[in-house]
């Protein structure tokens, strides 16, 4: 770290570090292609899950609430990608749309009492697609997850 940088950080004190640390995290993700705790196999699976067309599909009345996200759990190799949506249509209409989109994408329905659930093979792993709200007041979410099995 050069003298000018040290002087600038000293001027900002702890606030300077608070600003620099998140930027380092973002830069690390950009350079490595994923979250810092993902193995290369998990990053490949994460990329495949994020690329699933159903995550980006939305008709009029359904808008992304924010940018989608993805994560890896280094302990159990669990990888998840998700997108939250704001609805200006009834949930039932959104669920009907995503049921059709999942079917068109090769997803097979799985019986479950609450959210819509589907499964299919993605990048050599069995993936699960969940669609809906986990509970009243929660965001409407599409989540694709899988365990990076056999991906060395």
Protein backbone atom coordinates (compact mmCIF):
# COMPACT_ATOMS: atom_id res chain seq x y z
CA UNK A 1 0.00 0.00 0.00
CA UNK A 2 1.53 3.32 -1.01
CA UNK A 3 1.74 6.38 1.22
CA UNK A 4 -1.11 8.22 -0.52
CA UNK A 5 -3.44 5.26 0.05
CA UNK A 6 -2.42 5.03 3.71
CA UNK A 7 -3.09 8.75 4.17
CA UNK A 8 -6.53 8.44 2.56
CA UNK A 9 -7.43 5.42 4.73
CA UNK A 10 -6.13 7.17 7.84
CA UNK A 11 -8.27 10.20 6.97
CA UNK A 12 -11.39 8.01 6.82
CA UNK A 13 -10.35 5.78 9.74
CA UNK A 14 -12.57 2.75 10.35
CA UNK A 15 -15.06 4.04 7.76
CA UNK A 16 -12.37 3.66 5.10
CA UNK A 17 -12.02 -0.03 5.92
CA UNK A 18 -15.79 -0.49 5.93
CA UNK A 19 -15.86 0.90 2.39
CA UNK A 20 -12.80 -1.06 1.17
CA UNK A 21 -13.68 -4.52 2.50
CA UNK A 22 -16.94 -4.94 0.53
CA UNK A 23 -15.22 -3.69 -2.62
CA UNK A 24 -12.56 -6.37 -2.14
CA UNK A 25 -15.24 -9.04 -1.78
CA UNK A 26 -16.98 -7.90 -4.98
CA UNK A 27 -13.65 -7.77 -6.84
CA UNK A 28 -12.78 -11.28 -5.61
CA UNK A 29 -16.09 -12.65 -6.91
CA UNK A 30 -15.63 -10.89 -10.26
CA UNK A 31 -12.09 -12.24 -10.69
CA UNK A 32 -12.80 -15.81 -9.57
CA UNK A 33 -16.21 -16.17 -11.20
CA UNK A 34 -18.20 -16.81 -8.06
CA UNK A 35 -18.65 -16.63 -4.31
CA UNK A 36 -15.39 -17.10 -2.37
CA UNK A 37 -16.35 -20.46 -0.87
CA UNK A 38 -17.34 -22.23 -4.09
CA UNK A 39 -15.06 -24.93 -5.46
CA UNK A 40 -14.50 -25.04 -9.21
CA UNK A 41 -17.09 -27.85 -9.47
CA UNK A 42 -19.60 -25.80 -7.48
CA UNK A 43 -18.92 -22.77 -9.68
CA UNK A 44 -19.63 -24.84 -12.80
CA UNK A 45 -22.89 -26.07 -11.28
CA UNK A 46 -23.77 -22.55 -10.09
CA UNK A 47 -23.26 -21.24 -13.63
CA UNK A 48 -25.54 -23.96 -15.04
CA UNK A 49 -28.25 -23.26 -12.44
CA UNK A 50 -28.12 -19.49 -13.01
CA UNK A 51 -28.47 -20.12 -16.77
CA UNK A 52 -31.76 -22.05 -16.36
CA UNK A 53 -34.26 -20.11 -18.54
CA UNK A 54 -37.08 -20.47 -16.02
CA UNK A 55 -35.26 -18.11 -13.61
CA UNK A 56 -35.36 -15.25 -16.12
CA UNK A 57 -38.84 -15.90 -17.54
CA UNK A 58 -41.56 -13.49 -16.49
CA UNK A 59 -44.68 -12.19 -18.22
CA UNK A 60 -46.34 -8.81 -17.74
CA UNK A 61 -47.35 -8.44 -14.11
CA UNK A 62 -44.23 -10.17 -12.78
CA UNK A 63 -41.06 -8.10 -12.38
CA UNK A 64 -37.72 -8.97 -10.76
CA UNK A 65 -37.59 -7.48 -7.25
CA UNK A 66 -33.78 -7.20 -7.50
CA UNK A 67 -30.92 -8.91 -9.26
CA UNK A 68 -30.94 -12.67 -8.85
CA UNK A 69 -28.40 -14.30 -6.61
CA UNK A 70 -26.54 -17.56 -6.11
CA UNK A 71 -24.59 -19.21 -3.33
CA UNK A 72 -22.56 -22.28 -2.43
CA UNK A 73 -22.29 -24.11 0.88
CA UNK A 74 -18.73 -25.41 1.18
CA UNK A 75 -19.67 -28.02 3.81
CA UNK A 76 -22.22 -30.03 1.84
CA UNK A 77 -21.54 -28.83 -1.77
CA UNK A 78 -25.10 -27.42 -1.95
CA UNK A 79 -25.48 -24.78 -4.67
CA UNK A 80 -28.50 -22.52 -5.10
CA UNK A 81 -29.57 -19.79 -7.53
CA UNK A 82 -32.71 -17.73 -6.97
CA UNK A 83 -34.73 -14.80 -8.22
CA UNK A 84 -37.36 -12.88 -6.22
CA UNK A 85 -40.25 -11.22 -8.04
CA UNK A 86 -42.83 -8.50 -7.38
CA UNK A 87 -46.26 -9.51 -8.59
CA UNK A 88 -49.04 -7.25 -9.79
CA UNK A 89 -51.10 -10.32 -10.72
CA UNK A 90 -52.56 -12.98 -8.40
CA UNK A 91 -50.17 -15.68 -7.19
CA UNK A 92 -52.31 -18.32 -8.92
CA UNK A 93 -51.66 -16.70 -12.33
CA UNK A 94 -47.92 -16.51 -11.65
CA UNK A 95 -47.86 -20.17 -10.54
CA UNK A 96 -49.73 -21.21 -13.72
CA UNK A 97 -47.20 -19.33 -15.86
CA UNK A 98 -44.21 -20.91 -14.10
CA UNK A 99 -45.79 -24.37 -14.18
CA UNK A 100 -45.87 -24.07 -18.00
CA UNK A 101 -42.36 -22.56 -18.16
CA UNK A 102 -40.96 -25.38 -15.99
CA UNK A 103 -42.65 -28.02 -18.14
CA UNK A 104 -41.28 -26.40 -21.31
CA UNK A 105 -37.80 -26.42 -19.73
CA UNK A 106 -37.88 -30.16 -19.08
CA UNK A 107 -38.64 -29.96 -15.37
CA UNK A 108 -40.71 -32.83 -13.90
CA UNK A 109 -43.28 -32.01 -11.18
CA UNK A 110 -42.75 -33.37 -7.67
CA UNK A 111 -45.68 -33.65 -5.24
CA UNK A 112 -45.42 -31.20 -2.38
CA UNK A 113 -48.07 -29.60 -0.20
CA UNK A 114 -47.04 -25.95 -0.54
CA UNK A 115 -44.82 -24.44 -3.22
CA UNK A 116 -44.60 -25.82 -6.75
CA UNK A 117 -41.63 -28.17 -6.95
CA UNK A 118 -39.90 -29.76 -9.92
CA UNK A 119 -36.76 -31.77 -10.60
CA UNK A 120 -34.40 -32.44 -13.50
CA UNK A 121 -30.77 -33.21 -14.26
CA UNK A 122 -28.58 -30.09 -14.53
CA UNK A 123 -24.83 -30.33 -15.18
CA UNK A 124 -24.69 -33.92 -13.93
CA UNK A 125 -26.56 -33.27 -10.68
CA UNK A 126 -30.21 -33.69 -9.72
CA UNK A 127 -31.61 -30.19 -9.40
CA UNK A 128 -34.73 -29.02 -7.60
CA UNK A 129 -36.87 -26.05 -8.69
CA UNK A 130 -39.14 -24.42 -6.10
CA UNK A 131 -41.66 -21.76 -7.09
CA UNK A 132 -43.91 -19.59 -4.89
CA UNK A 133 -43.94 -18.06 -1.43
CA UNK A 134 -42.60 -19.95 1.57
CA UNK A 135 -45.15 -18.20 3.75
CA UNK A 136 -47.53 -15.24 3.68
CA UNK A 137 -45.65 -11.97 3.31
CA UNK A 138 -42.52 -13.64 1.88
CA UNK A 139 -41.33 -12.68 -1.61
CA UNK A 140 -42.46 -14.73 -4.60
CA UNK A 141 -39.30 -16.72 -5.35
CA UNK A 142 -37.94 -19.10 -7.94
CA UNK A 143 -35.10 -21.17 -6.53
CA UNK A 144 -33.01 -23.79 -8.31
CA UNK A 145 -30.71 -25.89 -6.13
CA UNK A 146 -28.55 -28.99 -6.38
CA UNK A 147 -25.68 -30.77 -4.68
CA UNK A 148 -22.45 -30.86 -6.70
CA UNK A 149 -22.23 -34.64 -6.89
CA UNK A 150 -19.43 -36.33 -8.78
CA UNK A 151 -18.07 -33.03 -10.07
CA UNK A 152 -14.39 -33.13 -9.21
